[in-house]
PDB file of N, CA and C in Angstrom:
ATOM      1  N   MET A   1      13.911  -4.943   9.240  1.00  0.00           N
ATOM      2  CA  MET A   1      13.311  -5.237   7.970  1.00  0.00           C
ATOM      3  C   MET A   1      14.203  -5.826   7.031  1.00  0.00           C
ATOM      4  N   LYS A   2      13.744  -7.193   6.734  1.00  0.00           N
ATOM      5  CA  LYS A   2      14.475  -7.735   5.959  1.00  0.00           C
ATOM      6  C   LYS A   2      14.860  -6.654   4.063  1.00  0.00           C
ATOM      7  N   HIS A   3      16.190  -6.985   3.678  1.00  0.00           N
ATOM      8  CA  HIS A   3      16.555  -6.582   2.221  1.00  0.00           C
ATOM      9  C   HIS A   3      15.660  -6.638   1.764  1.00  0.00           C
ATOM     10  N   ILE A   4      14.631  -6.108   0.299  1.00  0.00           N
ATOM     11  CA  ILE A   4      14.587  -5.910  -0.878  1.00  0.00           C
ATOM     12  C   ILE A   4      14.790  -5.458  -1.926  1.00  0.00           C
ATOM     13  N   ASP A   5      14.906  -6.166  -3.195  1.00  0.00           N
ATOM     14  CA  ASP A   5      16.185  -5.975  -4.074  1.00  0.00           C
ATOM     15  C   ASP A   5      15.269  -5.283  -5.031  1.00  0.00           C
ATOM     16  N   GLN A   6      15.617  -4.201  -6.086  1.00  0.00           N
ATOM     17  CA  GLN A   6      15.340  -3.135  -6.268  1.00  0.00           C
ATOM     18  C   GLN A   6      14.838  -4.070  -7.559  1.00  0.00           C
ATOM     19  N   LYS A   7      14.220  -5.127  -7.888  1.00  0.00           N
ATOM     20  CA  LYS A   7      14.243  -5.702  -8.731  1.00  0.00           C
ATOM     21  C   LYS A   7      12.718  -6.249  -8.579  1.00  0.00           C
ATOM     22  N   SER A   8      12.612  -6.564  -7.030  1.00  0.00           N
ATOM     23  CA  SER A   8      10.991  -7.042  -6.950  1.00  0.00           C
ATOM     24  C   SER A   8      10.801  -5.827  -6.783  1.00  0.00           C
ATOM     25  N   ILE A   9      11.320  -4.281  -6.333  1.00  0.00           N
ATOM     26  CA  ILE A   9      10.944  -3.198  -6.068  1.00  0.00           C
ATOM     27  C   ILE A   9       9.811  -3.220  -7.407  1.00  0.00           C
ATOM     28  N   ASN A  10      10.799  -3.199  -8.353  1.00  0.00           N
ATOM     29  CA  ASN A  10      10.345  -3.006 -10.212  1.00  0.00           C
ATOM     30  C   ASN A  10       9.152  -3.636 -10.752  1.00  0.00           C
ATOM     31  N   ASN A  11       9.210  -4.862  -9.664  1.00  0.00           N
ATOM     32  CA  ASN A  11       7.838  -6.099 -10.399  1.00  0.00           C
ATOM     33  C   ASN A  11       6.890  -5.340  -9.345  1.00  0.00           C
ATOM     34  N   ILE A  12       6.896  -5.067  -8.440  1.00  0.00           N
ATOM     35  CA  ILE A  12       5.664  -4.138  -7.458  1.00  0.00           C
ATOM     36  C   ILE A  12       5.019  -3.008  -8.409  1.00  0.00           C
ATOM     37  N   LEU A  13       5.831  -2.102  -9.243  1.00  0.00           N
ATOM     38  CA  LEU A  13       5.657  -0.955  -9.556  1.00  0.00           C
ATOM     39  C   LEU A  13       5.315  -1.231 -10.953  1.00  0.00           C
ATOM     40  N   ALA A  14       5.643  -2.665 -11.976  1.00  0.00           N
ATOM     41  CA  ALA A  14       4.691  -2.821 -12.947  1.00  0.00           C
ATOM     42  C   ALA A  14       3.605  -3.639 -12.586  1.00  0.00           C
ATOM     43  N   GLU A  15       3.268  -4.187 -11.679  1.00  0.00           N
ATOM     44  CA  GLU A  15       1.955  -4.414 -11.683  1.00  0.00           C
ATOM     45  C   GLU A  15       1.192  -3.427 -11.138  1.00  0.00           C
ATOM     46  N   TYR A  16       0.966  -2.503  -9.986  1.00  0.00           N
ATOM     47  CA  TYR A  16       0.754  -1.053  -9.906  1.00  0.00           C
ATOM     48  C   TYR A  16       0.244  -0.419 -11.493  1.00  0.00           C
ATOM     49  N   HIS A  17       1.207  -0.024 -12.607  1.00  0.00           N
ATOM     50  CA  HIS A  17       0.928   0.489 -13.783  1.00  0.00           C
ATOM     51  C   HIS A  17      -0.100  -0.744 -14.256  1.00  0.00           C
ATOM     52  N   LYS A  18       0.034  -1.449 -14.113  1.00  0.00           N
ATOM     53  CA  LYS A  18      -1.225  -2.603 -14.868  1.00  0.00           C
ATOM     54  C   LYS A  18      -2.451  -2.669 -14.311  1.00  0.00           C
ATOM     55  N   LEU A  19      -2.741  -1.400 -12.945  1.00  0.00           N
ATOM     56  CA  LEU A  19      -3.999  -1.452 -12.837  1.00  0.00           C
ATOM     57  C   LEU A  19      -5.137  -0.409 -14.230  1.00  0.00           C
ATOM     58  N   THR A  20      -6.061  -1.732 -13.562  1.00  0.00           N
ATOM     59  CA  THR A  20      -6.788  -0.698 -14.752  1.00  0.00           C
ATOM     60  C   THR A  20      -8.122   0.343 -13.942  1.00  0.00           C
ATOM     61  N   LYS A  21      -8.488   1.505 -14.558  1.00  0.00           N
ATOM     62  CA  LYS A  21      -8.921   2.408 -13.241  1.00  0.00           C
ATOM     63  C   LYS A  21     -10.186   1.959 -12.525  1.00  0.00           C
ATOM     64  N   GLU A  22     -10.769   0.811 -13.038  1.00  0.00           N
ATOM     65  CA  GLU A  22     -11.635   0.112 -12.200  1.00  0.00           C
ATOM     66  C   GLU A  22     -10.984  -0.420 -11.214  1.00  0.00           C
ATOM     67  N   ALA A  23     -10.012  -1.297 -11.295  1.00  0.00           N
ATOM     68  CA  ALA A  23      -9.301  -1.425  -9.873  1.00  0.00           C
ATOM     69  C   ALA A  23      -8.821  -0.608  -8.496  1.00  0.00           C
ATOM     70  N   LYS A  24      -8.777   0.234  -9.621  1.00  0.00           N
ATOM     71  CA  LYS A  24      -8.011   1.382  -8.706  1.00  0.00           C
ATOM     72  C   LYS A  24      -9.018   1.757  -7.759  1.00  0.00           C
ATOM     73  N   VAL A  25     -10.498   2.218  -8.699  1.00  0.00           N
ATOM     74  CA  VAL A  25     -11.553   2.947  -7.772  1.00  0.00           C
ATOM     75  C   VAL A  25     -12.281   2.136  -6.759  1.00  0.00           C
ATOM     76  N   GLY A  26     -12.613   0.384  -7.900  1.00  0.00           N
ATOM     77  CA  GLY A  26     -12.396  -0.736  -6.671  1.00  0.00           C
ATOM     78  C   GLY A  26     -14.702  -0.659  -6.917  1.00  0.00           C
ATOM     79  N   ARG A  27     -14.980  -0.939  -5.805  1.00  0.00           N
ATOM     80  CA  ARG A  27     -16.162  -2.097  -5.814  1.00  0.00           C
ATOM     81  C   ARG A  27     -17.088  -0.925  -4.825  1.00  0.00           C
ATOM     82  N   PRO A  28     -18.278  -1.076  -4.850  1.00  0.00           N
ATOM     83  CA  PRO A  28     -18.962   0.062  -3.526  1.00  0.00           C
ATOM     84  C   PRO A  28     -18.108  -0.449  -2.368  1.00  0.00           C
ATOM     85  N   GLN A  29     -18.192  -0.066  -1.319  1.00  0.00           N
ATOM     86  CA  GLN A  29     -17.491  -0.014  -0.160  1.00  0.00           C
ATOM     87  C   GLN A  29     -18.470  -1.786   0.743  1.00  0.00           C
ATOM     88  N   GLY A  30     -18.103  -2.585   0.818  1.00  0.00           N
ATOM     89  CA  GLY A  30     -18.724  -3.679   1.146  1.00  0.00           C
ATOM     90  C   GLY A  30     -18.814  -4.630   0.297  1.00  0.00           C
ATOM     91  N   GLU A  31     -19.068  -4.211  -0.828  1.00  0.00           N
ATOM     92  CA  GLU A  31     -19.151  -5.620  -1.768  1.00  0.00           C
ATOM     93  C   GLU A  31     -18.394  -6.441  -1.930  1.00  0.00           C
ATOM     94  N   TYR A  32     -18.630  -7.473  -1.751  1.00  0.00           N
ATOM     95  CA  TYR A  32     -17.562  -8.935  -2.150  1.00  0.00           C
ATOM     96  C   TYR A  32     -17.590  -9.227  -3.152  1.00  0.00           C
ATOM     97  N   PRO A  33     -16.361  -9.554  -3.922  1.00  0.00           N
ATOM     98  CA  PRO A  33     -15.217  -9.786  -3.010  1.00  0.00           C
ATOM     99  C   PRO A  33     -14.384  -8.358  -3.190  1.00  0.00           C
ATOM    100  N   SER A  34     -13.770  -8.169  -2.269  1.00  0.00           N
ATOM    101  CA  SER A  34     -13.160  -6.267  -1.735  1.00  0.00           C
ATOM    102  C   SER A  34     -11.868  -7.077  -1.247  1.00  0.00           C
ATOM    103  N   PRO A  35     -10.511  -6.248  -2.236  1.00  0.00           N
ATOM    104  CA  PRO A  35     -10.652  -4.942  -3.338  1.00  0.00           C
ATOM    105  C   PRO A  35     -10.999  -6.272  -4.634  1.00  0.00           C
ATOM    106  N   HIS A  36     -10.710  -5.351  -5.281  1.00  0.00           N
ATOM    107  CA  HIS A  36     -10.352  -6.140  -6.800  1.00  0.00           C
ATOM    108  C   HIS A  36      -9.514  -7.148  -7.331  1.00  0.00           C
ATOM    109  N   PRO A  37     -10.313  -7.960  -8.382  1.00  0.00           N
ATOM    110  CA  PRO A  37      -9.090  -9.175  -8.389  1.00  0.00           C
ATOM    111  C   PRO A  37      -7.544  -8.469  -8.877  1.00  0.00           C
ATOM    112  N   GLY A  38      -7.622  -7.140  -9.265  1.00  0.00           N
ATOM    113  CA  GLY A  38      -5.931  -6.940  -9.929  1.00  0.00           C
ATOM    114  C   GLY A  38      -5.285  -6.368  -8.912  1.00  0.00           C
ATOM    115  N   LEU A  39      -6.221  -5.901  -7.582  1.00  0.00           N
ATOM    116  CA  LEU A  39      -5.180  -5.193  -6.113  1.00  0.00           C
ATOM    117  C   LEU A  39      -5.039  -6.557  -5.794  1.00  0.00           C
ATOM    118  N   HIS A  40      -5.902  -7.529  -5.793  1.00  0.00           N
ATOM    119  CA  HIS A  40      -5.441  -8.707  -5.334  1.00  0.00           C
ATOM    120  C   HIS A  40      -3.912  -9.362  -5.136  1.00  0.00           C
ATOM    121  N   THR A  41      -3.776  -8.872  -6.896  1.00  0.00           N
ATOM    122  CA  THR A  41      -2.867  -9.617  -7.162  1.00  0.00           C
ATOM    123  C   THR A  41      -1.836  -8.784  -6.958  1.00  0.00           C
ATOM    124  N   LEU A  42      -1.421  -7.010  -7.293  1.00  0.00           N
ATOM    125  CA  LEU A  42      -0.661  -6.723  -6.570  1.00  0.00           C
ATOM    126  C   LEU A  42       0.016  -6.640  -5.200  1.00  0.00           C
ATOM    127  N   LEU A  43      -1.118  -6.825  -4.572  1.00  0.00           N
ATOM    128  CA  LEU A  43      -0.951  -6.663  -2.774  1.00  0.00           C
ATOM    129  C   LEU A  43      -0.407  -8.230  -3.056  1.00  0.00           C
ATOM    130  N   GLY A  44      -0.829  -9.368  -3.574  1.00  0.00           N
ATOM    131  CA  GLY A  44       0.157 -10.675  -3.654  1.00  0.00           C
ATOM    132  C   GLY A  44       1.365 -10.223  -3.950  1.00  0.00           C
ATOM    133  N   VAL A  45       1.691  -9.995  -4.977  1.00  0.00           N
ATOM    134  CA  VAL A  45       3.235  -9.627  -5.323  1.00  0.00           C
ATOM    135  C   VAL A  45       3.809  -8.956  -4.418  1.00  0.00           C
ATOM    136  N   MET A  46       3.397  -7.892  -3.747  1.00  0.00           N
ATOM    137  CA  MET A  46       4.245  -7.309  -2.423  1.00  0.00           C
ATOM    138  C   MET A  46       4.412  -7.982  -0.930  1.00  0.00           C
ATOM    139  N   GLU A  47       3.151  -8.945  -1.401  1.00  0.00           N
ATOM    140  CA  GLU A  47       3.630  -9.912  -0.123  1.00  0.00           C
ATOM    141  C   GLU A  47       4.855 -11.040  -0.489  1.00  0.00           C
ATOM    142  N   MET A  48       4.415 -11.502  -1.462  1.00  0.00           N
ATOM    143  CA  MET A  48       5.196 -12.604  -1.812  1.00  0.00           C
ATOM    144  C   MET A  48       6.656 -11.893  -2.371  1.00  0.00           C
ATOM    145  N   SER A  49       7.424 -10.559  -2.333  1.00  0.00           N
ATOM    146  CA  SER A  49       8.576 -10.211  -2.792  1.00  0.00           C
ATOM    147  C   SER A  49       9.320  -9.628  -1.163  1.00  0.00           C
ATOM    148  N   GLY A  50       8.492 -10.139  -0.204  1.00  0.00           N
ATOM    149  CA  GLY A  50       8.866  -9.684   0.915  1.00  0.00           C
ATOM    150  C   GLY A  50       8.702  -7.951   1.513  1.00  0.00           C
ATOM    151  N   PHE A  51       8.061  -7.013   0.937  1.00  0.00           N
ATOM    152  CA  PHE A  51       7.543  -6.012   0.876  1.00  0.00           C
ATOM    153  C   PHE A  51       7.272  -5.753   1.659  1.00  0.00           C
ATOM    154  N   ILE A  52       6.158  -6.395   1.884  1.00  0.00           N
ATOM    155  CA  ILE A  52       5.709  -6.355   3.533  1.00  0.00           C
ATOM    156  C   ILE A  52       5.928  -7.358   4.746  1.00  0.00           C
ATOM    157  N   GLU A  53       6.230  -6.984   5.473  1.00  0.00           N
ATOM    158  CA  GLU A  53       6.518  -7.376   6.852  1.00  0.00           C
ATOM    159  C   GLU A  53       5.915  -7.294   7.918  1.00  0.00           C
ATOM    160  N   THR A  54       5.649  -8.357   8.756  1.00  0.00           N
ATOM    161  CA  THR A  54       5.191  -8.112  10.142  1.00  0.00           C
ATOM    162  C   THR A  54       5.619  -7.961  10.510  1.00  0.00           C
ATOM    163  N   PHE A  55       5.246  -6.813  11.937  1.00  0.00           N
ATOM    164  CA  PHE A  55       5.611  -5.889  12.897  1.00  0.00           C
ATOM    165  C   PHE A  55       5.177  -5.542  13.691  1.00  0.00           C
ATOM    166  N   ASP A  56       4.971  -4.766  14.885  1.00  0.00           N
ATOM    167  CA  ASP A  56       4.255  -3.971  15.610  1.00  0.00           C
ATOM    168  C   ASP A  56       3.561  -2.737  14.635  1.00  0.00           C
ATOM    169  N   TRP A  57       2.556  -3.100  13.667  1.00  0.00           N
ATOM    170  CA  TRP A  57       2.665  -1.454  13.012  1.00  0.00           C
ATOM    171  C   TRP A  57       1.825  -0.341  13.674  1.00  0.00           C
ATOM    172  N   MET A  58       0.698  -1.421  15.334  1.00  0.00           N
ATOM    173  CA  MET A  58      -0.272  -0.101  15.516  1.00  0.00           C
ATOM    174  C   MET A  58       0.733   0.489  16.734  1.00  0.00           C
ATOM    175  N   ALA A  59       1.944   0.076  16.954  1.00  0.00           N
ATOM    176  CA  ALA A  59       2.748   0.772  17.631  1.00  0.00           C
ATOM    177  C   ALA A  59       3.355   1.666  16.873  1.00  0.00           C
ATOM    178  N   TRP A  60       3.937   1.832  15.587  1.00  0.00           N
ATOM    179  CA  TRP A  60       4.668   2.386  15.114  1.00  0.00           C
ATOM    180  C   TRP A  60       3.861   3.550  13.994  1.00  0.00           C
ATOM    181  N   VAL A  61       2.218   3.058  14.516  1.00  0.00           N
ATOM    182  CA  VAL A  61       1.755   3.896  13.572  1.00  0.00           C
ATOM    183  C   VAL A  61       1.345   5.123  14.571  1.00  0.00           C
ATOM    184  N   GLU A  62       1.190   4.621  16.078  1.00  0.00           N
ATOM    185  CA  GLU A  62       1.003   5.267  17.485  1.00  0.00           C
ATOM    186  C   GLU A  62       2.437   6.728  16.909  1.00  0.00           C
ATOM    187  N   SER A  63       3.661   6.029  17.228  1.00  0.00           N
ATOM    188  CA  SER A  63       4.756   6.706  17.138  1.00  0.00           C
ATOM    189  C   SER A  63       4.567   7.933  16.304  1.00  0.00           C
ATOM    190  N   ILE A  64       4.212   7.360  14.980  1.00  0.00           N
ATOM    191  CA  ILE A  64       4.015   8.305  13.583  1.00  0.00           C
ATOM    192  C   ILE A  64       3.338   9.170  13.959  1.00  0.00           C
ATOM    193  N   GLY A  65       2.480   8.701  14.502  1.00  0.00           N
ATOM    194  CA  GLY A  65       0.898   9.790  14.376  1.00  0.00           C
ATOM    195  C   GLY A  65       0.408   9.168  13.695  1.00  0.00           C
ATOM    196  N   ALA A  66      -1.225   8.748  13.700  1.00  0.00           N
ATOM    197  CA  ALA A  66      -1.817   8.648  13.162  1.00  0.00           C
ATOM    198  C   ALA A  66      -1.873   9.315  11.942  1.00  0.00           C
ATOM    199  N   ASP A  67      -2.332  10.503  11.863  1.00  0.00           N
ATOM    200  CA  ASP A  67      -2.876  11.597  11.026  1.00  0.00           C
ATOM    201  C   ASP A  67      -1.377  10.962   9.627  1.00  0.00           C
ATOM    202  N   ASN A  68      -0.462  10.905   9.753  1.00  0.00           N
ATOM    203  CA  ASN A  68       0.518  10.279   9.030  1.00  0.00           C
ATOM    204  C   ASN A  68       0.691   9.307   8.728  1.00  0.00           C
ATOM    205  N   LEU A  69      -0.280   8.323   8.347  1.00  0.00           N
ATOM    206  CA  LEU A  69      -0.557   7.288   7.647  1.00  0.00           C
ATOM    207  C   LEU A  69      -1.691   7.517   6.746  1.00  0.00           C
ATOM    208  N   ASN A  70      -2.160   7.938   6.730  1.00  0.00           N
ATOM    209  CA  ASN A  70      -2.777   8.246   5.480  1.00  0.00           C
ATOM    210  C   ASN A  70      -2.486   9.765   4.457  1.00  0.00           C
ATOM    211  N   SER A  71      -1.295  10.199   5.378  1.00  0.00           N
ATOM    212  CA  SER A  71      -0.970  11.522   4.587  1.00  0.00           C
ATOM    213  C   SER A  71      -0.210  11.530   3.419  1.00  0.00           C
ATOM    214  N   THR A  72      -0.326  12.079   2.454  1.00  0.00           N
ATOM    215  CA  THR A  72       0.781  12.586   1.123  1.00  0.00           C
ATOM    216  C   THR A  72       1.778  13.363   1.396  1.00  0.00           C
ATOM    217  N   SER A  73       1.701  14.491   2.410  1.00  0.00           N
ATOM    218  CA  SER A  73       2.715  14.883   3.232  1.00  0.00           C
ATOM    219  C   SER A  73       4.080  13.976   3.579  1.00  0.00           C
ATOM    220  N   TYR A  74       3.134  13.383   3.904  1.00  0.00           N
ATOM    221  CA  TYR A  74       4.680  12.171   4.916  1.00  0.00           C
ATOM    222  C   TYR A  74       4.804  11.779   3.958  1.00  0.00           C
ATOM    223  N   LEU A  75       4.283  11.239   3.107  1.00  0.00           N
ATOM    224  CA  LEU A  75       5.780  10.500   1.999  1.00  0.00           C
ATOM    225  C   LEU A  75       6.172  11.210   0.832  1.00  0.00           C
ATOM    226  N   LYS A  76       6.152  12.771   1.484  1.00  0.00           N
ATOM    227  CA  LYS A  76       7.323  13.064   0.625  1.00  0.00           C
ATOM    228  C   LYS A  76       8.686  12.868   1.466  1.00  0.00           C
ATOM    229  N   THR A  77       8.975  12.784   2.612  1.00  0.00           N
ATOM    230  CA  THR A  77       9.754  12.424   2.728  1.00  0.00           C
ATOM    231  C   THR A  77      10.382  10.905   3.646  1.00  0.00           C
ATOM    232  N   ALA A  78       9.245  10.459   3.494  1.00  0.00           N
ATOM    233  CA  ALA A  78       9.184   9.061   3.229  1.00  0.00           C
ATOM    234  C   ALA A  78      10.714   8.239   2.804  1.00  0.00           C
ATOM    235  N   ASN A  79      11.589   7.216   3.731  1.00  0.00           N
ATOM    236  CA  ASN A  79      12.279   6.107   3.278  1.00  0.00           C
ATOM    237  C   ASN A  79      11.625   5.122   2.582  1.00  0.00           C
ATOM    238  N   LEU A  80      12.834   4.163   1.552  1.00  0.00           N
ATOM    239  CA  LEU A  80      12.092   2.426   1.329  1.00  0.00           C
ATOM    240  C   LEU A  80      11.262   1.881   2.802  1.00  0.00           C
ATOM    241  N   GLU A  81      12.495   2.087   3.786  1.00  0.00           N
ATOM    242  CA  GLU A  81      11.835   1.281   5.077  1.00  0.00           C
ATOM    243  C   GLU A  81      10.501   1.608   5.228  1.00  0.00           C
ATOM    244  N   THR A  82      10.041   3.260   5.424  1.00  0.00           N
ATOM    245  CA  THR A  82       8.771   3.841   5.473  1.00  0.00           C
ATOM    246  C   THR A  82       7.581   3.643   5.156  1.00  0.00           C
ATOM    247  N   PHE A  83       7.828   3.450   3.313  1.00  0.00           N
ATOM    248  CA  PHE A  83       6.825   3.405   2.450  1.00  0.00           C
ATOM    249  C   PHE A  83       6.651   1.616   2.937  1.00  0.00           C
ATOM    250  N   ARG A  84       7.629   0.484   3.309  1.00  0.00           N
ATOM    251  CA  ARG A  84       7.302  -0.666   3.442  1.00  0.00           C
ATOM    252  C   ARG A  84       6.639  -0.410   5.000  1.00  0.00           C
ATOM    253  N   LYS A  85       7.095  -0.089   6.167  1.00  0.00           N
ATOM    254  CA  LYS A  85       5.774   0.279   6.793  1.00  0.00           C
ATOM    255  C   LYS A  85       4.346   0.455   6.628  1.00  0.00           C
ATOM    256  N   LEU A  86       4.206   1.871   5.804  1.00  0.00           N
ATOM    257  CA  LEU A  86       3.157   1.929   6.132  1.00  0.00           C
ATOM    258  C   LEU A  86       2.025   1.251   4.595  1.00  0.00           C
ATOM    259  N   MET A  87       2.690   0.558   3.610  1.00  0.00           N
ATOM    260  CA  MET A  87       2.099  -0.676   3.338  1.00  0.00           C
ATOM    261  C   MET A  87       1.559  -1.437   4.238  1.00  0.00           C
ATOM    262  N   SER A  88       2.446  -2.009   4.439  1.00  0.00           N
ATOM    263  CA  SER A  88       2.254  -2.839   5.824  1.00  0.00           C
ATOM    264  C   SER A  88       0.731  -2.883   6.360  1.00  0.00           C
ATOM    265  N   ALA A  89       1.286  -1.496   7.464  1.00  0.00           N
ATOM    266  CA  ALA A  89       0.096  -1.203   7.852  1.00  0.00           C
ATOM    267  C   ALA A  89      -1.673  -0.990   7.425  1.00  0.00           C
ATOM    268  N   HIS A  90      -1.361  -0.538   5.845  1.00  0.00           N
ATOM    269  CA  HIS A  90      -2.779  -0.439   4.937  1.00  0.00           C
ATOM    270  C   HIS A  90      -3.388  -1.319   5.200  1.00  0.00           C
ATOM    271  N   ILE A  91      -2.335  -2.997   4.934  1.00  0.00           N
ATOM    272  CA  ILE A  91      -2.782  -3.801   4.427  1.00  0.00           C
ATOM    273  C   ILE A  91      -3.495  -4.330   5.895  1.00  0.00           C
ATOM    274  N   ARG A  92      -2.699  -4.848   6.374  1.00  0.00           N
ATOM    275  CA  ARG A  92      -3.588  -5.065   7.922  1.00  0.00           C
ATOM    276  C   ARG A  92      -4.851  -4.556   8.110  1.00  0.00           C
ATOM    277  N   LEU A  93      -4.810  -2.907   8.164  1.00  0.00           N
ATOM    278  CA  LEU A  93      -6.264  -2.112   7.987  1.00  0.00           C
ATOM    279  C   LEU A  93      -7.004  -3.031   6.957  1.00  0.00           C
ATOM    280  N   GLU A  94      -6.569  -3.382   5.834  1.00  0.00           N
ATOM    281  CA  GLU A  94      -7.321  -3.742   5.186  1.00  0.00           C
ATOM    282  C   GLU A  94      -8.507  -5.044   5.468  1.00  0.00           C
ATOM    283  N   ARG A  95      -7.941  -5.957   6.115  1.00  0.00           N
ATOM    284  CA  ARG A  95      -8.330  -7.450   7.012  1.00  0.00           C
ATOM    285  C   ARG A  95      -9.231  -6.694   8.030  1.00  0.00           C
ATOM    286  N   PHE A  96      -8.837  -5.692   8.646  1.00  0.00           N
ATOM    287  CA  PHE A  96      -9.941  -4.987   9.924  1.00  0.00           C
ATOM    288  C   PHE A  96     -11.056  -4.200   8.994  1.00  0.00           C
ATOM    289  N   SER A  97     -10.660  -3.988   8.149  1.00  0.00           N
ATOM    290  CA  SER A  97     -12.043  -2.675   7.367  1.00  0.00           C
ATOM    291  C   SER A  97     -11.646  -2.741   5.774  1.00  0.00           C
ATOM    292  N   ALA A  98     -12.808  -3.625   5.435  1.00  0.00           N
ATOM    293  CA  ALA A  98     -12.822  -3.794   3.613  1.00  0.00           C
ATOM    294  C   ALA A  98     -13.151  -3.215   3.241  1.00  0.00           C
ATOM    295  N   GLY A  99     -12.693  -2.751   2.286  1.00  0.00           N
ATOM    296  CA  GLY A  99     -12.523  -1.666   1.564  1.00  0.00           C
ATOM    297  C   GLY A  99     -11.215  -0.247   1.928  1.00  0.00           C
ATOM    298  N   HIS A 100     -10.890  -0.510   2.684  1.00  0.00           N
ATOM    299  CA  HIS A 100      -9.653   0.403   3.243  1.00  0.00           C
ATOM    300  C   HIS A 100      -8.886   0.814   2.029  1.00  0.00           C
ATOM    301  N   ILE A 101      -8.309   0.032   1.467  1.00  0.00           N
ATOM    302  CA  ILE A 101      -6.971   0.357   0.179  1.00  0.00           C
ATOM    303  C   ILE A 101      -7.792   0.877  -0.574  1.00  0.00           C
ATOM    304  N   GLN A 102      -9.361   0.235  -1.229  1.00  0.00           N
ATOM    305  CA  GLN A 102     -10.040   1.263  -2.168  1.00  0.00           C
ATOM    306  C   GLN A 102     -10.546   2.760  -1.647  1.00  0.00           C
ATOM    307  N   LYS A 103     -10.514   2.974  -0.734  1.00  0.00           N
ATOM    308  CA  LYS A 103     -10.620   4.574  -0.288  1.00  0.00           C
ATOM    309  C   LYS A 103      -9.118   4.896  -0.304  1.00  0.00           C
ATOM    310  N   LEU A 104      -8.214   4.177  -0.192  1.00  0.00           N
ATOM    311  CA  LEU A 104      -6.868   5.201  -0.666  1.00  0.00           C
ATOM    312  C   LEU A 104      -6.388   5.605  -2.345  1.00  0.00           C
ATOM    313  N   PHE A 105      -7.066   4.442  -2.771  1.00  0.00           N
ATOM    314  CA  PHE A 105      -6.875   4.624  -4.283  1.00  0.00           C
ATOM    315  C   PHE A 105      -8.058   5.824  -4.252  1.00  0.00           C
ATOM    316  N   ARG A 106      -9.102   5.586  -4.124  1.00  0.00           N
ATOM    317  CA  ARG A 106      -9.946   7.098  -4.147  1.00  0.00           C
ATOM    318  C   ARG A 106      -9.441   8.507  -3.980  1.00  0.00           C
ATOM    319  N   SER A 107      -8.508   8.446  -2.634  1.00  0.00           N
ATOM    320  CA  SER A 107      -8.283   9.720  -2.335  1.00  0.00           C
ATOM    321  C   SER A 107      -6.524  10.599  -2.422  1.00  0.00           C
ATOM    322  N   GLY A 108      -6.273   9.307  -4.069  1.00  0.00           N
ATOM    323  CA  GLY A 108      -5.239   9.823  -4.430  1.00  0.00           C
ATOM    324  C   GLY A 108      -3.839   9.368  -3.816  1.00  0.00           C
ATOM    325  N   TYR A 109      -4.491   9.124  -2.381  1.00  0.00           N
ATOM    326  CA  TYR A 109      -3.013   8.498  -1.735  1.00  0.00           C
ATOM    327  C   TYR A 109      -2.318   7.222  -2.558  1.00  0.00           C
ATOM    328  N   MET A 110      -2.786   6.069  -2.871  1.00  0.00           N
ATOM    329  CA  MET A 110      -2.427   5.168  -3.510  1.00  0.00           C
ATOM    330  C   MET A 110      -1.225   5.855  -4.727  1.00  0.00           C
ATOM    331  N   GLN A 111      -1.539   6.475  -5.480  1.00  0.00           N
ATOM    332  CA  GLN A 111      -0.900   7.738  -6.785  1.00  0.00           C
ATOM    333  C   GLN A 111      -0.214   7.944  -5.855  1.00  0.00           C
ATOM    334  N   ALA A 112      -0.328   8.550  -5.047  1.00  0.00           N
ATOM    335  CA  ALA A 112       1.441   9.179  -4.416  1.00  0.00           C
ATOM    336  C   ALA A 112       2.407   8.225  -3.504  1.00  0.00           C
ATOM    337  N   PHE A 113       1.634   7.181  -2.627  1.00  0.00           N
ATOM    338  CA  PHE A 113       2.501   6.184  -2.662  1.00  0.00           C
ATOM    339  C   PHE A 113       3.156   6.219  -3.742  1.00  0.00           C
ATOM    340  N   PHE A 114       2.409   5.238  -5.211  1.00  0.00           N
ATOM    341  CA  PHE A 114       3.491   4.474  -6.051  1.00  0.00           C
ATOM    342  C   PHE A 114       4.232   5.562  -6.701  1.00  0.00           C
ATOM    343  N   GLU A 115       3.957   6.672  -7.193  1.00  0.00           N
ATOM    344  CA  GLU A 115       4.755   8.090  -6.942  1.00  0.00           C
ATOM    345  C   GLU A 115       6.236   8.428  -6.180  1.00  0.00           C
ATOM    346  N   GLY A 116       5.648   7.916  -5.088  1.00  0.00           N
ATOM    347  CA  GLY A 116       6.763   8.012  -4.453  1.00  0.00           C
ATOM    348  C   GLY A 116       7.730   6.829  -4.090  1.00  0.00           C
ATOM    349  N   LEU A 117       7.201   5.896  -4.205  1.00  0.00           N
ATOM    350  CA  LEU A 117       8.279   4.911  -4.163  1.00  0.00           C
ATOM    351  C   LEU A 117       9.207   4.613  -5.513  1.00  0.00           C
ATOM    352  N   GLU A 118       9.020   4.574  -6.759  1.00  0.00           N
ATOM    353  CA  GLU A 118       9.133   4.794  -7.980  1.00  0.00           C
ATOM    354  C   GLU A 118      10.350   6.169  -7.914  1.00  0.00           C
ATOM    355  N   ASN A 119       9.994   7.346  -7.552  1.00  0.00           N
ATOM    356  CA  ASN A 119      11.053   8.344  -7.239  1.00  0.00           C
ATOM    357  C   ASN A 119      12.274   7.982  -5.904  1.00  0.00           C
ATOM    358  N   LEU A 120      12.148   6.879  -5.556  1.00  0.00           N
ATOM    359  CA  LEU A 120      13.538   6.309  -3.894  1.00  0.00           C
ATOM    360  C   LEU A 120      14.612   6.307  -5.167  1.00  0.00           C
TER     361      LEU A 120
END
């Protein structure tokens, strides 16, 4: 994976903290556009910074175990590369299943993800 600097990570975290409660809960599943515009901004900052990488995410998910993909417990031992791979996989899943990211917010996973990223 390409290097990502602390400034880029701080910009991502700042965008996350700007999200409103509505952005985190999102629209009803299947309602267009999905996700909320605030989430589009956050995801765009992640893509532009290089946080999101193109790699064989399906093989990687298989190697870590699919249960770990949405596991807040798995986040507790994750390093920066793992955080990047997890979010890259989730963004790819959003493309196949609109509303995936919003489900992660509703479940508490995204809060745990960004708290973990902040604590690295």
